[in-house]
């Protein structure tokens, strides 16, 4: 179903470019726009349920541990912790039909909830028989917009896609089940390479945990200057690099986080950023604000099994410039004419 939807969309006549799109922003025969609310009719109840299944396990695990620690005898707290530990390592089937059905429900109703609008500058540049490396920015508090690129959403004409996320997520009871079914994999070099070898396109958020620490109100942060590993792997495999930027993602939650060197080192050590974020009525429900995910044209790369530092720096510079240009081309037409992108 998802693949059929993507193929149908790609074959359909392109929409009229927006008057504000400019020369490179929204015109051209390959431009496509997918609105989650139009593609997947939903309602508030289904949207809330999808969000609860997606990030609910984070809150559930923390609440259960804190509640057990505060009100139960220590011996029973150990029992609760032991049961959670079992779920951390309990074998699971990543191809479970039930699990994948839940994941499809989450993807589709998350796209509809905000809604998420995907803008692809040239959909004809993507071929279903080859893998791509998508460099997605920003991380924000949670990179929710990646759902528009997910395999189960079906907007992109790519039948096999995975998202890389912090390895910490895969030690969370219940969370690792949901995220695995959603097509998320640990952000490890070996996993990254093996996915590309298996023909999967991979979505990576280069800024990661550090980017969350650097978040600022009123601007977007992309921590990219020292993040070159994803570029090296793309060069080694000969996979095109694709710049992606999500507008509006940083606004769907309000947030507060500590500051200071110790906090930064702690975040890097645990590969996670402990902070407080909230949405509607102070809950985990994000605000229903549109998110615009813009996908640039692939940067073609020749396979280079052992790229030099200079070669990696050159391609990395091309990617950073492509992302900056993508941001500038689209920011006005999607409603953020004054926002600035800081590449650190």
Protein backbone atom coordinates (compact mmCIF):
# COMPACT_ATOMS: atom_id res chain seq x y z
CA UNK A 1 0.00 0.00 0.00
CA UNK A 2 2.70 2.49 0.98
CA UNK A 3 4.80 1.71 -2.08
CA UNK A 4 1.79 1.97 -4.38
CA UNK A 5 0.92 5.38 -2.93
CA UNK A 6 4.45 6.67 -3.53
CA UNK A 7 4.52 5.38 -7.12
CA UNK A 8 1.12 6.90 -7.87
CA UNK A 9 2.20 10.25 -6.46
CA UNK A 10 5.45 10.23 -8.40
CA UNK A 11 3.59 9.55 -11.65
CA UNK A 12 0.97 12.24 -11.08
CA UNK A 13 1.26 15.68 -12.73
CA UNK A 14 3.31 18.05 -10.61
CA UNK A 15 1.44 20.73 -8.68
CA UNK A 16 1.68 24.34 -9.73
CA UNK A 17 4.69 25.95 -8.06
CA UNK A 18 3.95 28.46 -5.36
CA UNK A 19 4.41 32.09 -6.46
CA UNK A 20 6.77 32.46 -3.49
CA UNK A 21 8.79 29.45 -4.45
CA UNK A 22 11.32 31.27 -6.55
CA UNK A 23 13.52 29.67 -9.15
CA UNK A 24 14.65 26.61 -7.19
CA UNK A 25 12.17 26.33 -4.36
CA UNK A 26 9.06 24.70 -5.75
CA UNK A 27 9.05 24.61 -9.54
CA UNK A 28 10.18 21.94 -11.99
CA UNK A 29 8.66 18.75 -13.31
CA UNK A 30 10.11 16.69 -10.46
CA UNK A 31 8.75 18.76 -7.59
CA UNK A 32 6.25 16.94 -5.36
CA UNK A 33 4.40 17.93 -2.23
CA UNK A 34 2.73 15.47 0.15
CA UNK A 35 0.44 16.74 2.91
CA UNK A 36 -0.02 14.20 5.69
CA UNK A 37 -3.48 15.45 6.60
CA UNK A 38 -4.69 15.06 3.02
CA UNK A 39 -3.05 11.68 2.50
CA UNK A 40 -4.15 10.13 5.81
CA UNK A 41 -7.49 11.46 7.10
CA UNK A 42 -7.41 11.20 10.88
CA UNK A 43 -8.87 12.68 14.05
CA UNK A 44 -7.56 13.93 17.37
CA UNK A 45 -8.11 10.61 19.15
CA UNK A 46 -6.07 8.65 16.61
CA UNK A 47 -3.36 11.31 16.63
CA UNK A 48 -3.09 11.20 20.42
CA UNK A 49 -2.96 7.40 20.36
CA UNK A 50 -0.18 7.44 17.75
CA UNK A 51 1.88 9.89 19.82
CA UNK A 52 1.27 7.87 23.00
CA UNK A 53 2.60 4.73 21.32
CA UNK A 54 5.55 6.59 19.81
CA UNK A 55 6.96 8.42 22.86
CA UNK A 56 4.71 7.13 25.64
CA UNK A 57 7.17 4.37 26.62
CA UNK A 58 9.74 7.05 27.57
CA UNK A 59 7.34 8.59 30.09
CA UNK A 60 5.99 5.22 31.22
CA UNK A 61 9.44 3.84 32.05
CA UNK A 62 10.51 6.97 33.93
CA UNK A 63 7.21 7.20 35.82
CA UNK A 64 7.25 3.54 36.78
CA UNK A 65 10.83 3.67 38.07
CA UNK A 66 10.33 6.88 40.06
CA UNK A 67 7.00 5.74 41.49
CA UNK A 68 8.46 2.38 42.51
CA UNK A 69 11.45 4.04 44.13
CA UNK A 70 9.32 6.49 46.10
CA UNK A 71 6.43 4.36 47.35
CA UNK A 72 7.54 0.71 47.27
CA UNK A 73 9.87 -1.11 49.65
CA UNK A 74 13.36 -1.40 48.21
CA UNK A 75 12.96 -5.16 47.67
CA UNK A 76 9.91 -4.60 45.46
CA UNK A 77 11.64 -1.77 43.64
CA UNK A 78 14.36 -4.29 42.73
CA UNK A 79 11.65 -6.67 41.42
CA UNK A 80 10.14 -3.93 39.24
CA UNK A 81 13.60 -2.98 37.93
CA UNK A 82 14.29 -6.64 37.20
CA UNK A 83 11.09 -7.01 35.20
CA UNK A 84 11.93 -3.91 33.16
CA UNK A 85 15.41 -5.32 32.57
CA UNK A 86 13.88 -8.50 31.16
CA UNK A 87 11.93 -6.43 28.61
CA UNK A 88 15.18 -4.67 27.69
CA UNK A 89 16.66 -7.93 26.40
CA UNK A 90 13.56 -9.96 25.55
CA UNK A 91 13.87 -11.32 21.98
CA UNK A 92 11.59 -9.64 19.47
CA UNK A 93 10.57 -10.08 15.86
CA UNK A 94 11.34 -6.89 13.87
CA UNK A 95 9.09 -8.16 11.07
CA UNK A 96 6.08 -8.91 13.28
CA UNK A 97 2.87 -8.28 11.34
CA UNK A 98 1.19 -6.86 14.43
CA UNK A 99 4.18 -4.67 15.20
CA UNK A 100 4.42 -3.36 11.66
CA UNK A 101 0.69 -2.64 11.61
CA UNK A 102 1.09 -0.58 14.79
CA UNK A 103 4.06 1.21 13.24
CA UNK A 104 2.10 2.02 10.07
CA UNK A 105 -0.71 3.43 12.23
CA UNK A 106 1.80 5.62 14.11
CA UNK A 107 3.47 6.92 10.93
CA UNK A 108 0.26 7.80 9.14
CA UNK A 109 -1.52 9.46 12.05
CA UNK A 110 1.58 11.38 13.15
CA UNK A 111 1.81 12.79 9.62
CA UNK A 112 -1.80 13.87 9.85
CA UNK A 113 -1.65 15.22 13.41
CA UNK A 114 0.56 18.30 12.86
CA UNK A 115 0.30 17.99 9.82
CA UNK A 116 3.66 17.12 8.28
CA UNK A 117 4.15 18.36 4.72
CA UNK A 118 6.91 16.78 2.65
CA UNK A 119 8.44 18.84 -0.19
CA UNK A 120 10.65 16.90 -2.62
CA UNK A 121 12.53 19.13 -5.05
CA UNK A 122 13.04 16.40 -7.65
CA UNK A 123 11.37 13.07 -7.00
CA UNK A 124 12.64 11.71 -10.33
CA UNK A 125 16.19 11.88 -8.92
CA UNK A 126 15.40 8.98 -6.57
CA UNK A 127 15.52 5.42 -7.86
CA UNK A 128 14.01 2.51 -5.91
CA UNK A 129 16.86 0.14 -6.76
CA UNK A 130 19.65 2.09 -5.04
CA UNK A 131 20.31 3.28 -1.46
CA UNK A 132 20.71 6.91 -0.37
CA UNK A 133 22.08 8.61 2.73
CA UNK A 134 19.70 11.32 3.98
CA UNK A 135 21.30 13.94 6.22
CA UNK A 136 18.36 15.28 8.24
CA UNK A 137 18.47 18.53 10.21
CA UNK A 138 17.72 19.80 12.78
CA UNK A 139 17.48 17.27 15.59
CA UNK A 140 15.39 19.68 17.71
CA UNK A 141 14.11 18.07 20.86
CA UNK A 142 12.81 15.09 18.94
CA UNK A 143 13.29 14.70 15.16
CA UNK A 144 9.58 14.04 14.62
CA UNK A 145 9.58 15.12 10.99
CA UNK A 146 11.50 12.02 9.89
CA UNK A 147 8.15 10.23 9.97
CA UNK A 148 7.38 11.82 6.59
CA UNK A 149 10.36 9.95 5.11
CA UNK A 150 9.61 6.62 6.78
CA UNK A 151 9.19 3.51 4.68
CA UNK A 152 5.73 2.82 6.15
CA UNK A 153 4.52 6.34 5.32
CA UNK A 154 5.20 5.70 1.65
CA UNK A 155 5.75 9.21 0.33
CA UNK A 156 9.23 8.56 -1.05
CA UNK A 157 9.62 6.10 -3.95
CA UNK A 158 12.13 4.05 -1.96
CA UNK A 159 10.93 0.65 -0.75
CA UNK A 160 13.60 0.13 1.94
CA UNK A 161 14.40 2.88 4.46
CA UNK A 162 15.80 2.98 7.99
CA UNK A 163 16.34 5.78 10.51
CA UNK A 164 19.38 5.80 12.79
CA UNK A 165 18.81 6.84 16.42
CA UNK A 166 20.78 6.95 19.65
CA UNK A 167 21.69 3.51 20.95
CA UNK A 168 20.25 4.57 24.33
CA UNK A 169 16.74 4.20 22.89
CA UNK A 170 17.31 0.49 22.37
CA UNK A 171 17.87 -0.11 26.07
CA UNK A 172 14.43 1.24 26.95
CA UNK A 173 11.78 -1.41 27.70
CA UNK A 174 8.89 -1.26 25.20
CA UNK A 175 10.51 1.72 23.44
CA UNK A 176 12.92 -0.51 21.52
CA UNK A 177 10.03 -2.66 20.31
CA UNK A 178 8.03 0.27 18.95
CA UNK A 179 11.01 2.00 17.39
CA UNK A 180 12.32 -1.20 15.79
CA UNK A 181 8.94 -1.81 14.18
CA UNK A 182 8.99 1.81 12.98
CA UNK A 183 12.21 1.09 11.09
CA UNK A 184 14.66 2.68 13.53
CA UNK A 185 18.12 1.18 14.05
CA UNK A 186 21.04 1.97 16.41
CA UNK A 187 23.35 4.73 15.21
CA UNK A 188 26.48 2.61 14.97
CA UNK A 189 28.99 2.54 12.12
CA UNK A 190 28.68 -1.22 11.63
CA UNK A 191 24.87 -1.03 11.48
CA UNK A 192 24.99 1.97 9.14
CA UNK A 193 27.31 0.21 6.69
CA UNK A 194 25.43 -3.10 6.77
CA UNK A 195 22.11 -1.37 6.04
CA UNK A 196 23.54 0.34 2.96
CA UNK A 197 25.05 -2.97 1.81
CA UNK A 198 21.59 -4.54 2.16
CA UNK A 199 20.07 -1.88 -0.10
CA UNK A 200 18.45 0.27 2.58
CA UNK A 201 18.40 4.04 2.32
CA UNK A 202 19.45 5.46 5.68
CA UNK A 203 18.27 8.63 7.41
CA UNK A 204 20.82 10.04 9.82
CA UNK A 205 20.58 13.12 12.06
CA UNK A 206 24.25 14.19 12.20
CA UNK A 207 23.87 16.70 15.04
CA UNK A 208 22.46 14.13 17.45
CA UNK A 209 22.56 14.67 21.22
CA UNK A 210 24.99 17.58 21.00
CA UNK A 211 22.53 19.53 18.87
CA UNK A 212 19.84 19.27 21.53
CA UNK A 213 22.25 20.73 24.07
CA UNK A 214 22.95 23.69 21.73
CA UNK A 215 19.31 24.50 20.92
CA UNK A 216 18.38 28.19 20.98
CA UNK A 217 15.04 29.97 20.90
CA UNK A 218 14.49 31.91 17.70
CA UNK A 219 17.06 30.15 15.50
CA UNK A 220 17.88 26.72 14.14
CA UNK A 221 21.08 24.91 15.05
CA UNK A 222 22.89 22.34 12.90
CA UNK A 223 25.96 20.87 14.62
CA UNK A 224 27.73 19.72 11.47
CA UNK A 225 31.26 21.06 11.18
CA UNK A 226 32.84 18.16 13.06
CA UNK A 227 30.30 15.51 12.04
CA UNK A 228 31.86 13.86 9.00
CA UNK A 229 31.40 10.14 9.68
CA UNK A 230 28.17 9.86 7.69
CA UNK A 231 29.86 11.53 4.73
CA UNK A 232 32.79 9.09 4.86
CA UNK A 233 30.46 6.08 4.92
CA UNK A 234 28.43 7.45 2.00
CA UNK A 235 31.67 7.88 0.02
CA UNK A 236 32.90 4.39 0.90
CA UNK A 237 29.63 2.88 -0.35
CA UNK A 238 29.13 5.24 -3.30
CA UNK A 239 25.69 6.29 -2.04
CA UNK A 240 24.29 9.74 -2.90
CA UNK A 241 24.01 12.24 -0.04
CA UNK A 242 20.65 13.97 0.32
CA UNK A 243 20.22 17.19 2.34
CA UNK A 244 16.96 17.40 4.31
CA UNK A 245 15.67 20.20 6.54
CA UNK A 246 12.53 20.32 8.68
CA UNK A 247 10.93 23.71 9.35
CA UNK A 248 8.64 24.06 12.38
CA UNK A 249 9.88 20.97 14.23
CA UNK A 250 11.60 23.04 16.92
CA UNK A 251 8.28 24.71 17.79
CA UNK A 252 6.06 21.71 18.52
CA UNK A 253 7.35 21.48 22.10
CA UNK A 254 8.29 24.07 24.69
CA UNK A 255 11.39 23.10 26.59
CA UNK A 256 13.87 23.80 29.36
CA UNK A 257 17.29 22.32 29.89
CA UNK A 258 20.18 22.97 32.28
CA UNK A 259 23.39 24.53 31.06
CA UNK A 260 27.06 24.25 31.89
CA UNK A 261 30.06 22.12 31.04
CA UNK A 262 29.20 19.30 33.42
CA UNK A 263 25.74 18.92 31.87
CA UNK A 264 27.28 18.83 28.40
CA UNK A 265 29.78 16.13 29.38
CA UNK A 266 27.05 14.12 31.11
CA UNK A 267 24.88 14.21 27.97
CA UNK A 268 27.75 13.05 25.81
CA UNK A 269 28.59 10.25 28.23
CA UNK A 270 25.08 8.77 28.27
CA UNK A 271 24.40 9.66 24.60
CA UNK A 272 21.13 11.28 25.61
CA UNK A 273 20.02 14.77 26.68
CA UNK A 274 17.97 14.80 29.89
CA UNK A 275 15.75 17.87 29.72
CA UNK A 276 12.19 18.91 30.35
CA UNK A 277 9.83 19.39 27.42
CA UNK A 278 6.08 19.76 27.25
CA UNK A 279 3.26 20.37 24.82
CA UNK A 280 -0.51 20.87 25.07
CA UNK A 281 -1.61 21.54 28.68
CA UNK A 282 1.87 20.61 29.89
CA UNK A 283 1.56 17.03 28.61
CA UNK A 284 3.67 15.00 26.17
CA UNK A 285 1.26 15.90 23.35
CA UNK A 286 3.07 18.22 20.92
CA UNK A 287 1.40 21.37 19.67
CA UNK A 288 -0.41 20.93 16.36
CA UNK A 289 1.84 23.17 14.29
CA UNK A 290 2.66 22.37 10.65
CA UNK A 291 6.08 20.90 9.94
CA UNK A 292 7.58 21.30 6.49
CA UNK A 293 10.21 18.72 5.56
CA UNK A 294 12.14 19.74 2.45
CA UNK A 295 14.25 17.21 0.55
CA UNK A 296 16.98 18.50 -1.74
CA UNK A 297 18.49 16.87 -4.79
CA UNK A 298 20.95 14.01 -4.19
CA UNK A 299 24.66 14.78 -4.29
CA UNK A 300 26.08 12.01 -6.49
CA UNK A 301 29.25 10.34 -5.20
CA UNK A 302 31.71 7.92 -6.77
CA UNK A 303 32.49 4.86 -4.70
CA UNK A 304 35.71 5.44 -2.80
CA UNK A 305 36.57 2.60 -0.37
CA UNK A 306 39.36 4.59 1.30
CA UNK A 307 38.73 8.34 1.00
CA UNK A 308 41.42 10.66 2.26
CA UNK A 309 40.75 13.30 4.90
CA UNK A 310 40.90 15.98 2.22
CA UNK A 311 38.37 14.16 0.03
CA UNK A 312 35.98 13.73 2.96
CA UNK A 313 36.31 17.41 3.84
CA UNK A 314 35.52 18.40 0.26
CA UNK A 315 32.32 16.31 0.08
CA UNK A 316 31.34 17.36 3.60
CA UNK A 317 31.65 20.99 2.51
CA UNK A 318 29.40 20.28 -0.48
CA UNK A 319 26.77 18.76 1.79
CA UNK A 320 26.86 21.64 4.29
CA UNK A 321 26.53 24.18 1.48
CA UNK A 322 23.68 22.19 -0.11
CA UNK A 323 21.84 22.14 3.23
CA UNK A 324 22.35 25.89 3.72
CA UNK A 325 21.09 26.59 0.19
CA UNK A 326 18.09 24.29 0.72
CA UNK A 327 17.22 26.16 3.91
CA UNK A 328 17.45 29.58 2.22
CA UNK A 329 15.42 28.51 -0.81
CA UNK A 330 12.47 27.29 1.22
CA UNK A 331 12.31 29.25 4.47
CA UNK A 332 10.13 32.09 3.13
CA UNK A 333 7.70 29.92 1.19
CA UNK A 334 6.96 27.71 4.22
CA UNK A 335 6.41 30.65 6.58
CA UNK A 336 9.79 31.30 8.26
CA UNK A 337 11.29 34.23 6.31
CA UNK A 338 13.29 35.67 9.22
CA UNK A 339 14.70 32.54 10.83
CA UNK A 340 18.44 31.93 10.67
CA UNK A 341 20.34 28.65 10.44
CA UNK A 342 23.52 28.44 12.52
CA UNK A 343 25.91 25.74 11.37
CA UNK A 344 28.31 24.99 14.21
